[in-house]
Amino acid sequence: MAVKSEKPFKLLAVSYDARHKKTAVFSITDKPGAWIEPYTDTITWCEFSVYGVPDTKESLDKTYEDDFSLATKIGEISGYHIPIALIEDFGEDSYAVCDNTSSDLEAMHSVLQEHRFLEDFIDSIFYIHEIELSPAYQGFGYEKLLLLQLPALVANALNNQPSLLMYYPAPIQYDEPERDLKAEAALRHRMEYNMQLCKREDNIALFPPIYEVSDREINRVLGRRNPGDTAPIAYRNKALYKLYESAGFTEIGQTGWLSKHIASVFTKDGLNH
């Protein structure tokens, strides 16, 4: 991406907002941590507000005090923080927790499993949903700067530096597969059948599904990624791929997913190339 030469701001400020307050409720007899629900208490949705800051002492002083009245909001960063090691420590399947959270995280975890990324120690992942800047502030190189500083920003906000950054550039065109109504009906039948099996107090006659559905079709109907799925090159947003690759991201196979391993934010220049 072409970078404009005269930047409107030499200073940026990024403010973190966790969106939801978290309340812990437990009794005096509960074992430590027994009240934590891994499916709701571990993965955190994150929103960062990005500001351009005038290079004056007054502006800096106010910004450090979280007063952005002299700054200009120029964009946002959003995404999920996934503490893989913590989820596994709770005895839970990190894939199931990601699948329970969103289809994006399910697809991400599927790619990581398929390409054996999770065989190495991954403490936590930051999944980038989007880095959005107002049109007036695009093209100055701020997007790349934010990508380079993102591990440190997450560490500053959550006291936990991610081991891996993940991003999937949305395709510029997408062919929606045709719905298999027969398979969808069979899946609904199977779910109802299983629910009735759990109840068994009623006298409803049970009829097991007579139409078998393949795992690939089940995944498609449920919005899950199938192993081996690739991202068509013709539909890719080439500018986004170029931007992320310039910040050190590489594609995982031909999946379209981009990743960046993080060794430390404390590199010599602080930008973690």
C-alpha atoms as a PDB file:
ATOM      1  CA  MET A   1       0.000   0.000   0.000  1.00  0.00           C
ATOM      2  CA  ALA A   2       1.282   3.454  -0.876  1.00  0.00           C
ATOM      3  CA  VAL A   3       2.207   5.504   2.175  1.00  0.00           C
ATOM      4  CA  LYS A   4       1.490   9.215   2.185  1.00  0.00           C
ATOM      5  CA  SER A   5       4.479  11.326   3.160  1.00  0.00           C
ATOM      6  CA  GLU A   6       2.987  14.081   5.328  1.00  0.00           C
ATOM      7  CA  LYS A   7       1.382  12.429   8.333  1.00  0.00           C
ATOM      8  CA  PRO A   8      -1.335  14.447  10.118  1.00  0.00           C
ATOM      9  CA  PHE A   9      -0.176  13.070  13.497  1.00  0.00           C
ATOM     10  CA  LYS A  10       3.262  12.071  14.731  1.00  0.00           C
ATOM     11  CA  LEU A  11       1.747  10.633  17.914  1.00  0.00           C
ATOM     12  CA  LEU A  12      -0.934   7.976  18.297  1.00  0.00           C
ATOM     13  CA  ALA A  13      -2.800   6.966  21.459  1.00  0.00           C
ATOM     14  CA  VAL A  14      -4.687   3.666  21.760  1.00  0.00           C
ATOM     15  CA  SER A  15      -7.310   3.305  24.485  1.00  0.00           C
ATOM     16  CA  TYR A  16      -8.591  -0.120  25.533  1.00  0.00           C
ATOM     17  CA  ASP A  17     -12.228  -0.901  26.412  1.00  0.00           C
ATOM     18  CA  ALA A  18     -13.208  -4.408  27.548  1.00  0.00           C
ATOM     19  CA  ARG A  19     -16.871  -3.726  26.658  1.00  0.00           C
ATOM     20  CA  HIS A  20     -18.234  -5.968  29.428  1.00  0.00           C
ATOM     21  CA  LYS A  21     -17.538  -5.774  33.133  1.00  0.00           C
ATOM     22  CA  LYS A  22     -17.032  -9.202  34.691  1.00  0.00           C
ATOM     23  CA  THR A  23     -18.572 -10.090  38.024  1.00  0.00           C
ATOM     24  CA  ALA A  24     -17.496 -13.119  40.042  1.00  0.00           C
ATOM     25  CA  VAL A  25     -20.021 -14.725  42.428  1.00  0.00           C
ATOM     26  CA  PHE A  26     -18.957 -17.545  44.760  1.00  0.00           C
ATOM     27  CA  SER A  27     -19.635 -18.870  48.234  1.00  0.00           C
ATOM     28  CA  ILE A  28     -17.230 -19.181  51.141  1.00  0.00           C
ATOM     29  CA  THR A  29     -17.216 -22.942  50.635  1.00  0.00           C
ATOM     30  CA  ASP A  30     -16.312 -22.889  46.944  1.00  0.00           C
ATOM     31  CA  LYS A  31     -12.928 -24.194  45.921  1.00  0.00           C
ATOM     32  CA  PRO A  32     -10.654 -21.513  44.407  1.00  0.00           C
ATOM     33  CA  GLY A  33     -11.633 -20.913  40.815  1.00  0.00           C
ATOM     34  CA  ALA A  34     -14.524 -23.400  40.862  1.00  0.00           C
ATOM     35  CA  TRP A  35     -16.947 -20.662  39.774  1.00  0.00           C
ATOM     36  CA  ILE A  36     -15.096 -19.979  36.503  1.00  0.00           C
ATOM     37  CA  GLU A  37     -16.970 -21.151  33.415  1.00  0.00           C
ATOM     38  CA  PRO A  38     -14.381 -21.772  30.667  1.00  0.00           C
ATOM     39  CA  TYR A  39     -16.999 -21.365  27.942  1.00  0.00           C
ATOM     40  CA  THR A  40     -17.841 -17.793  28.971  1.00  0.00           C
ATOM     41  CA  ASP A  41     -15.079 -16.517  31.264  1.00  0.00           C
ATOM     42  CA  THR A  42     -11.912 -17.142  29.281  1.00  0.00           C
ATOM     43  CA  ILE A  43     -12.146 -15.641  25.783  1.00  0.00           C
ATOM     44  CA  THR A  44     -12.297 -11.839  25.858  1.00  0.00           C
ATOM     45  CA  TRP A  45     -13.701  -9.554  23.169  1.00  0.00           C
ATOM     46  CA  CYS A  46     -11.438  -6.501  22.942  1.00  0.00           C
ATOM     47  CA  GLU A  47     -11.954  -3.031  21.497  1.00  0.00           C
ATOM     48  CA  PHE A  48      -9.163  -0.483  21.214  1.00  0.00           C
ATOM     49  CA  SER A  49      -9.807   3.121  20.236  1.00  0.00           C
ATOM     50  CA  VAL A  50      -7.061   4.812  18.208  1.00  0.00           C
ATOM     51  CA  TYR A  51      -6.440   8.569  18.518  1.00  0.00           C
ATOM     52  CA  GLY A  52      -4.203  11.028  16.756  1.00  0.00           C
ATOM     53  CA  VAL A  53      -2.515  13.263  19.321  1.00  0.00           C
ATOM     54  CA  PRO A  54      -1.208  16.787  18.600  1.00  0.00           C
ATOM     55  CA  ASP A  55       2.472  17.063  19.498  1.00  0.00           C
ATOM     56  CA  THR A  56       2.065  19.494  22.399  1.00  0.00           C
ATOM     57  CA  LYS A  57       2.676  19.121  26.126  1.00  0.00           C
ATOM     58  CA  GLU A  58      -0.958  19.944  26.959  1.00  0.00           C
ATOM     59  CA  SER A  59      -2.267  17.293  24.556  1.00  0.00           C
ATOM     60  CA  LEU A  60       0.121  14.686  25.890  1.00  0.00           C
ATOM     61  CA  ASP A  61      -0.709  15.456  29.536  1.00  0.00           C
ATOM     62  CA  LYS A  62      -4.451  15.165  28.885  1.00  0.00           C
ATOM     63  CA  THR A  63      -4.068  11.972  26.859  1.00  0.00           C
ATOM     64  CA  TYR A  64      -2.029  10.279  29.578  1.00  0.00           C
ATOM     65  CA  GLU A  65      -4.928  11.100  31.935  1.00  0.00           C
ATOM     66  CA  ASP A  66      -7.415   9.440  29.502  1.00  0.00           C
ATOM     67  CA  ASP A  67      -8.755  12.830  28.484  1.00  0.00           C
ATOM     68  CA  PHE A  68      -9.004  12.780  24.687  1.00  0.00           C
ATOM     69  CA  SER A  69     -10.608  16.192  24.277  1.00  0.00           C
ATOM     70  CA  LEU A  70      -7.575  17.516  22.381  1.00  0.00           C
ATOM     71  CA  ALA A  71      -7.029  14.288  20.430  1.00  0.00           C
ATOM     72  CA  THR A  72      -8.830  13.047  17.313  1.00  0.00           C
ATOM     73  CA  LYS A  73     -10.293   9.571  17.157  1.00  0.00           C
ATOM     74  CA  ILE A  74      -9.046   8.072  13.908  1.00  0.00           C
ATOM     75  CA  GLY A  75     -10.034   4.427  14.183  1.00  0.00           C
ATOM     76  CA  GLU A  76     -10.529   1.212  16.135  1.00  0.00           C
ATOM     77  CA  ILE A  77      -8.943  -2.202  16.627  1.00  0.00           C
ATOM     78  CA  SER A  78     -11.176  -5.116  17.591  1.00  0.00           C
ATOM     79  CA  GLY A  79     -10.626  -8.797  18.185  1.00  0.00           C
ATOM     80  CA  TYR A  80     -10.616 -11.728  20.590  1.00  0.00           C
ATOM     81  CA  HIS A  81      -7.988 -12.693  23.135  1.00  0.00           C
ATOM     82  CA  ILE A  82      -7.943 -16.499  23.454  1.00  0.00           C
ATOM     83  CA  PRO A  83      -5.877 -17.869  26.387  1.00  0.00           C
ATOM     84  CA  ILE A  84      -5.293 -21.357  24.934  1.00  0.00           C
ATOM     85  CA  ALA A  85      -3.080 -22.589  27.783  1.00  0.00           C
ATOM     86  CA  LEU A  86      -5.529 -21.386  30.444  1.00  0.00           C
ATOM     87  CA  ILE A  87      -8.472 -23.109  28.741  1.00  0.00           C
ATOM     88  CA  GLU A  88      -6.515 -26.366  28.550  1.00  0.00           C
ATOM     89  CA  ASP A  89      -5.490 -25.972  32.206  1.00  0.00           C
ATOM     90  CA  PHE A  90      -9.191 -25.921  33.065  1.00  0.00           C
ATOM     91  CA  GLY A  91      -9.445 -29.328  31.407  1.00  0.00           C
ATOM     92  CA  GLU A  92     -11.492 -28.003  28.486  1.00  0.00           C
ATOM     93  CA  ASP A  93     -11.111 -28.526  24.750  1.00  0.00           C
ATOM     94  CA  SER A  94      -9.938 -25.195  23.310  1.00  0.00           C
ATOM     95  CA  TYR A  95     -11.552 -26.058  19.968  1.00  0.00           C
ATOM     96  CA  ALA A  96     -14.950 -26.522  21.618  1.00  0.00           C
ATOM     97  CA  VAL A  97     -14.592 -23.227  23.505  1.00  0.00           C
ATOM     98  CA  CYS A  98     -13.664 -21.382  20.288  1.00  0.00           C
ATOM     99  CA  ASP A  99     -16.539 -23.059  18.423  1.00  0.00           C
ATOM    100  CA  ASN A 100     -18.906 -21.977  21.196  1.00  0.00           C
ATOM    101  CA  THR A 101     -17.740 -18.356  20.849  1.00  0.00           C
ATOM    102  CA  SER A 102     -17.914 -17.658  17.104  1.00  0.00           C
ATOM    103  CA  SER A 103     -17.621 -19.255  13.673  1.00  0.00           C
ATOM    104  CA  ASP A 104     -14.497 -17.139  13.026  1.00  0.00           C
ATOM    105  CA  LEU A 105     -12.697 -18.628  16.027  1.00  0.00           C
ATOM    106  CA  GLU A 106     -13.865 -22.130  15.084  1.00  0.00           C
ATOM    107  CA  ALA A 107     -12.359 -21.694  11.608  1.00  0.00           C
ATOM    108  CA  MET A 108      -9.157 -20.251  13.079  1.00  0.00           C
ATOM    109  CA  HIS A 109      -8.718 -23.168  15.491  1.00  0.00           C
ATOM    110  CA  SER A 110      -9.487 -25.660  12.710  1.00  0.00           C
ATOM    111  CA  VAL A 111      -6.704 -24.180  10.568  1.00  0.00           C
ATOM    112  CA  LEU A 112      -4.229 -24.219  13.460  1.00  0.00           C
ATOM    113  CA  GLN A 113      -5.037 -27.848  14.246  1.00  0.00           C
ATOM    114  CA  GLU A 114      -4.844 -28.952  10.628  1.00  0.00           C
ATOM    115  CA  HIS A 115      -1.452 -27.331  10.135  1.00  0.00           C
ATOM    116  CA  ARG A 116      -0.165 -28.565  13.499  1.00  0.00           C
ATOM    117  CA  PHE A 117       0.488 -25.116  14.942  1.00  0.00           C
ATOM    118  CA  LEU A 118      -0.893 -26.136  18.319  1.00  0.00           C
ATOM    119  CA  GLU A 119       1.708 -28.854  18.741  1.00  0.00           C
ATOM    120  CA  ASP A 120       4.104 -26.058  19.671  1.00  0.00           C
ATOM    121  CA  PHE A 121       3.445 -24.216  22.901  1.00  0.00           C
ATOM    122  CA  ILE A 122       0.945 -21.452  22.244  1.00  0.00           C
ATOM    123  CA  ASP A 123       0.081 -19.640  25.465  1.00  0.00           C
ATOM    124  CA  SER A 124      -2.498 -17.294  23.968  1.00  0.00           C
ATOM    125  CA  ILE A 125      -3.756 -15.983  20.638  1.00  0.00           C
ATOM    126  CA  PHE A 126      -5.037 -12.596  19.597  1.00  0.00           C
ATOM    127  CA  TYR A 127      -7.493 -12.926  16.725  1.00  0.00           C
ATOM    128  CA  ILE A 128      -7.726  -9.631  14.839  1.00  0.00           C
ATOM    129  CA  HIS A 129     -11.303  -9.003  13.812  1.00  0.00           C
ATOM    130  CA  GLU A 130     -10.506  -5.679  12.181  1.00  0.00           C
ATOM    131  CA  ILE A 131      -8.277  -2.643  12.199  1.00  0.00           C
ATOM    132  CA  GLU A 132     -10.413   0.191  10.886  1.00  0.00           C
ATOM    133  CA  LEU A 133      -9.210   3.731  10.280  1.00  0.00           C
ATOM    134  CA  SER A 134     -11.302   6.644   9.089  1.00  0.00           C
ATOM    135  CA  PRO A 135     -10.788   7.225   5.344  1.00  0.00           C
ATOM    136  CA  ALA A 136      -9.084  10.571   5.990  1.00  0.00           C
ATOM    137  CA  TYR A 137      -6.311   8.813   7.955  1.00  0.00           C
ATOM    138  CA  GLN A 138      -5.702   5.827   5.706  1.00  0.00           C
ATOM    139  CA  GLY A 139      -2.564   5.602   3.614  1.00  0.00           C
ATOM    140  CA  PHE A 140      -0.186   7.208   6.116  1.00  0.00           C
ATOM    141  CA  GLY A 141       1.275   3.923   7.329  1.00  0.00           C
ATOM    142  CA  TYR A 142      -0.681   3.929  10.593  1.00  0.00           C
ATOM    143  CA  GLU A 143      -2.208   0.503   9.844  1.00  0.00           C
ATOM    144  CA  LYS A 144       1.218  -1.170   9.679  1.00  0.00           C
ATOM    145  CA  LEU A 145       2.409   0.717  12.764  1.00  0.00           C
ATOM    146  CA  LEU A 146      -0.599  -0.535  14.727  1.00  0.00           C
ATOM    147  CA  LEU A 147       0.007  -4.114  13.566  1.00  0.00           C
ATOM    148  CA  LEU A 148       3.627  -3.920  14.699  1.00  0.00           C
ATOM    149  CA  GLN A 149       2.656  -2.456  18.072  1.00  0.00           C
ATOM    150  CA  LEU A 150      -0.351  -4.749  18.621  1.00  0.00           C
ATOM    151  CA  PRO A 151       1.408  -7.405  20.786  1.00  0.00           C
ATOM    152  CA  ALA A 152       2.613  -4.660  23.128  1.00  0.00           C
ATOM    153  CA  LEU A 153      -0.837  -3.024  23.133  1.00  0.00           C
ATOM    154  CA  VAL A 154      -2.469  -6.322  24.139  1.00  0.00           C
ATOM    155  CA  ALA A 155       0.187  -6.893  26.803  1.00  0.00           C
ATOM    156  CA  ASN A 156      -0.402  -3.367  28.139  1.00  0.00           C
ATOM    157  CA  ALA A 157      -4.187  -3.856  28.257  1.00  0.00           C
ATOM    158  CA  LEU A 158      -4.446  -7.484  29.443  1.00  0.00           C
ATOM    159  CA  ASN A 159      -1.069  -8.103  31.102  1.00  0.00           C
ATOM    160  CA  ASN A 160      -0.707 -11.035  28.726  1.00  0.00           C
ATOM    161  CA  GLN A 161       1.295 -10.942  25.532  1.00  0.00           C
ATOM    162  CA  PRO A 162      -0.163 -13.221  22.834  1.00  0.00           C
ATOM    163  CA  SER A 163       2.055 -15.949  21.436  1.00  0.00           C
ATOM    164  CA  LEU A 164       0.342 -15.719  18.070  1.00  0.00           C
ATOM    165  CA  LEU A 165      -1.547 -13.105  16.047  1.00  0.00           C
ATOM    166  CA  MET A 166      -4.186 -14.374  13.598  1.00  0.00           C
ATOM    167  CA  TYR A 167      -6.173 -12.645  10.865  1.00  0.00           C
ATOM    168  CA  TYR A 168      -8.377 -13.677   7.948  1.00  0.00           C
ATOM    169  CA  PRO A 169      -8.830 -10.994   5.274  1.00  0.00           C
ATOM    170  CA  ALA A 170     -12.425 -11.162   4.120  1.00  0.00           C
ATOM    171  CA  PRO A 171     -12.706 -12.143   0.429  1.00  0.00           C
ATOM    172  CA  ILE A 172     -13.907  -9.467  -1.987  1.00  0.00           C
ATOM    173  CA  GLN A 173     -16.313 -12.011  -3.467  1.00  0.00           C
ATOM    174  CA  TYR A 174     -17.877 -15.118  -1.987  1.00  0.00           C
ATOM    175  CA  ASP A 175     -19.896 -17.871  -3.627  1.00  0.00           C
ATOM    176  CA  GLU A 176     -22.517 -19.070  -1.174  1.00  0.00           C
ATOM    177  CA  PRO A 177     -22.888 -22.855  -1.553  1.00  0.00           C
ATOM    178  CA  GLU A 178     -26.322 -24.152  -2.437  1.00  0.00           C
ATOM    179  CA  ARG A 179     -28.322 -25.271   0.570  1.00  0.00           C
ATOM    180  CA  ASP A 180     -28.891 -28.999   0.919  1.00  0.00           C
ATOM    181  CA  LEU A 181     -32.437 -28.911   2.292  1.00  0.00           C
ATOM    182  CA  LYS A 182     -32.504 -32.690   2.721  1.00  0.00           C
ATOM    183  CA  ALA A 183     -29.371 -32.610   4.861  1.00  0.00           C
ATOM    184  CA  GLU A 184     -30.669 -29.686   6.930  1.00  0.00           C
ATOM    185  CA  ALA A 185     -33.944 -31.516   7.582  1.00  0.00           C
ATOM    186  CA  ALA A 186     -32.049 -34.658   8.591  1.00  0.00           C
ATOM    187  CA  LEU A 187     -29.902 -32.661  11.019  1.00  0.00           C
ATOM    188  CA  ARG A 188     -32.963 -31.062  12.609  1.00  0.00           C
ATOM    189  CA  HIS A 189     -34.518 -34.529  12.927  1.00  0.00           C
ATOM    190  CA  ARG A 190     -31.361 -35.856  14.557  1.00  0.00           C
ATOM    191  CA  MET A 191     -31.281 -32.997  17.076  1.00  0.00           C
ATOM    192  CA  GLU A 192     -34.939 -33.491  17.991  1.00  0.00           C
ATOM    193  CA  TYR A 193     -34.389 -37.261  18.236  1.00  0.00           C
ATOM    194  CA  ASN A 194     -31.427 -36.794  20.596  1.00  0.00           C
ATOM    195  CA  MET A 195     -33.377 -34.310  22.746  1.00  0.00           C
ATOM    196  CA  GLN A 196     -36.234 -36.783  23.121  1.00  0.00           C
ATOM    197  CA  LEU A 197     -33.784 -39.532  24.027  1.00  0.00           C
ATOM    198  CA  CYS A 198     -32.552 -37.336  26.885  1.00  0.00           C
ATOM    199  CA  LYS A 199     -36.090 -36.772  28.215  1.00  0.00           C
ATOM    200  CA  ARG A 200     -37.667 -40.214  27.931  1.00  0.00           C
ATOM    201  CA  GLU A 201     -40.387 -39.300  30.433  1.00  0.00           C
ATOM    202  CA  ASP A 202     -42.917 -38.855  27.654  1.00  0.00           C
ATOM    203  CA  ASN A 203     -44.445 -41.548  25.513  1.00  0.00           C
ATOM    204  CA  ILE A 204     -43.527 -40.035  22.161  1.00  0.00           C
ATOM    205  CA  ALA A 205     -42.542 -42.650  19.624  1.00  0.00           C
ATOM    206  CA  LEU A 206     -38.956 -42.141  18.551  1.00  0.00           C
ATOM    207  CA  PHE A 207     -37.880 -42.475  14.932  1.00  0.00           C
ATOM    208  CA  PRO A 208     -34.129 -42.263  14.331  1.00  0.00           C
ATOM    209  CA  PRO A 209     -32.923 -40.326  11.307  1.00  0.00           C
ATOM    210  CA  ILE A 210     -32.979 -42.489   8.200  1.00  0.00           C
ATOM    211  CA  TYR A 211     -30.780 -40.173   6.105  1.00  0.00           C
ATOM    212  CA  GLU A 212     -27.112 -40.134   7.052  1.00  0.00           C
ATOM    213  CA  VAL A 213     -25.334 -36.818   6.727  1.00  0.00           C
ATOM    214  CA  SER A 214     -21.588 -36.591   6.081  1.00  0.00           C
ATOM    215  CA  ASP A 215     -19.329 -34.751   8.486  1.00  0.00           C
ATOM    216  CA  ARG A 216     -18.525 -32.231   5.734  1.00  0.00           C
ATOM    217  CA  GLU A 217     -22.211 -31.478   5.247  1.00  0.00           C
ATOM    218  CA  ILE A 218     -22.782 -31.208   8.997  1.00  0.00           C
ATOM    219  CA  ASN A 219     -19.943 -28.677   9.215  1.00  0.00           C
ATOM    220  CA  ARG A 220     -21.311 -26.704   6.281  1.00  0.00           C
ATOM    221  CA  VAL A 221     -24.821 -26.525   7.738  1.00  0.00           C
ATOM    222  CA  LEU A 222     -23.455 -25.542  11.167  1.00  0.00           C
ATOM    223  CA  GLY A 223     -21.163 -22.897   9.667  1.00  0.00           C
ATOM    224  CA  ARG A 224     -17.945 -24.712  10.512  1.00  0.00           C
ATOM    225  CA  ARG A 225     -14.807 -24.968   8.444  1.00  0.00           C
ATOM    226  CA  ASN A 226     -14.046 -28.271   6.739  1.00  0.00           C
ATOM    227  CA  PRO A 227     -10.476 -29.620   6.816  1.00  0.00           C
ATOM    228  CA  GLY A 228      -8.669 -28.857   3.597  1.00  0.00           C
ATOM    229  CA  ASP A 229     -10.739 -25.764   2.761  1.00  0.00           C
ATOM    230  CA  THR A 230      -8.703 -23.153   0.879  1.00  0.00           C
ATOM    231  CA  ALA A 231      -9.224 -19.496   0.005  1.00  0.00           C
ATOM    232  CA  PRO A 232      -9.553 -18.842  -3.754  1.00  0.00           C
ATOM    233  CA  ILE A 233      -6.760 -16.497  -4.834  1.00  0.00           C
ATOM    234  CA  ALA A 234      -9.022 -14.731  -7.342  1.00  0.00           C
ATOM    235  CA  TYR A 235     -11.334 -13.513  -4.549  1.00  0.00           C
ATOM    236  CA  ARG A 236      -8.647 -12.228  -2.199  1.00  0.00           C
ATOM    237  CA  ASN A 237      -8.267  -8.651  -1.049  1.00  0.00           C
ATOM    238  CA  LYS A 238      -4.685  -8.312  -2.283  1.00  0.00           C
ATOM    239  CA  ALA A 239      -4.132  -4.951  -0.601  1.00  0.00           C
ATOM    240  CA  LEU A 240      -4.933  -6.420   2.828  1.00  0.00           C
ATOM    241  CA  TYR A 241      -2.639  -9.388   2.293  1.00  0.00           C
ATOM    242  CA  LYS A 242       0.151  -7.045   1.219  1.00  0.00           C
ATOM    243  CA  LEU A 243      -0.356  -4.860   4.304  1.00  0.00           C
ATOM    244  CA  TYR A 244      -0.258  -7.755   6.774  1.00  0.00           C
ATOM    245  CA  GLU A 245       2.656  -9.454   5.051  1.00  0.00           C
ATOM    246  CA  SER A 246       4.603  -6.184   5.274  1.00  0.00           C
ATOM    247  CA  ALA A 247       4.096  -6.376   9.054  1.00  0.00           C
ATOM    248  CA  GLY A 248       5.523  -9.896   9.282  1.00  0.00           C
ATOM    249  CA  PHE A 249       2.426 -12.063   8.790  1.00  0.00           C
ATOM    250  CA  THR A 250       2.608 -15.201   6.630  1.00  0.00           C
ATOM    251  CA  GLU A 251      -0.153 -17.340   5.151  1.00  0.00           C
ATOM    252  CA  ILE A 252      -0.846 -20.768   6.639  1.00  0.00           C
ATOM    253  CA  GLY A 253      -0.788 -23.100   3.660  1.00  0.00           C
ATOM    254  CA  GLN A 254      -3.389 -21.955   1.133  1.00  0.00           C
ATOM    255  CA  THR A 255      -6.077 -21.366   3.750  1.00  0.00           C
ATOM    256  CA  GLY A 256      -6.086 -17.582   3.397  1.00  0.00           C
ATOM    257  CA  TRP A 257      -5.364 -17.290   7.134  1.00  0.00           C
ATOM    258  CA  LEU A 258      -2.432 -15.089   8.160  1.00  0.00           C
ATOM    259  CA  SER A 259      -0.386 -15.634  11.299  1.00  0.00           C
ATOM    260  CA  LYS A 260       2.524 -14.056  13.112  1.00  0.00           C
ATOM    261  CA  HIS A 261       4.472 -15.711  15.915  1.00  0.00           C
ATOM    262  CA  ILE A 262       5.421 -13.332  18.691  1.00  0.00           C
ATOM    263  CA  ALA A 263       8.729 -13.912  20.461  1.00  0.00           C
ATOM    264  CA  SER A 264       8.888 -10.767  22.595  1.00  0.00           C
ATOM    265  CA  VAL A 265       7.758  -7.170  22.458  1.00  0.00           C
ATOM    266  CA  PHE A 266      11.065  -6.199  24.012  1.00  0.00           C
ATOM    267  CA  THR A 267      13.030  -6.202  20.792  1.00  0.00           C
ATOM    268  CA  LYS A 268      15.719  -3.624  20.130  1.00  0.00           C
ATOM    269  CA  ASP A 269      13.448  -1.215  18.264  1.00  0.00           C
ATOM    270  CA  GLY A 270      10.271  -2.158  20.142  1.00  0.00           C
ATOM    271  CA  LEU A 271       8.381  -2.932  16.943  1.00  0.00           C
ATOM    272  CA  ASN A 272       8.785  -6.721  16.916  1.00  0.00           C
ATOM    273  CA  HIS A 273       9.632  -7.237  13.241  1.00  0.00           C
END
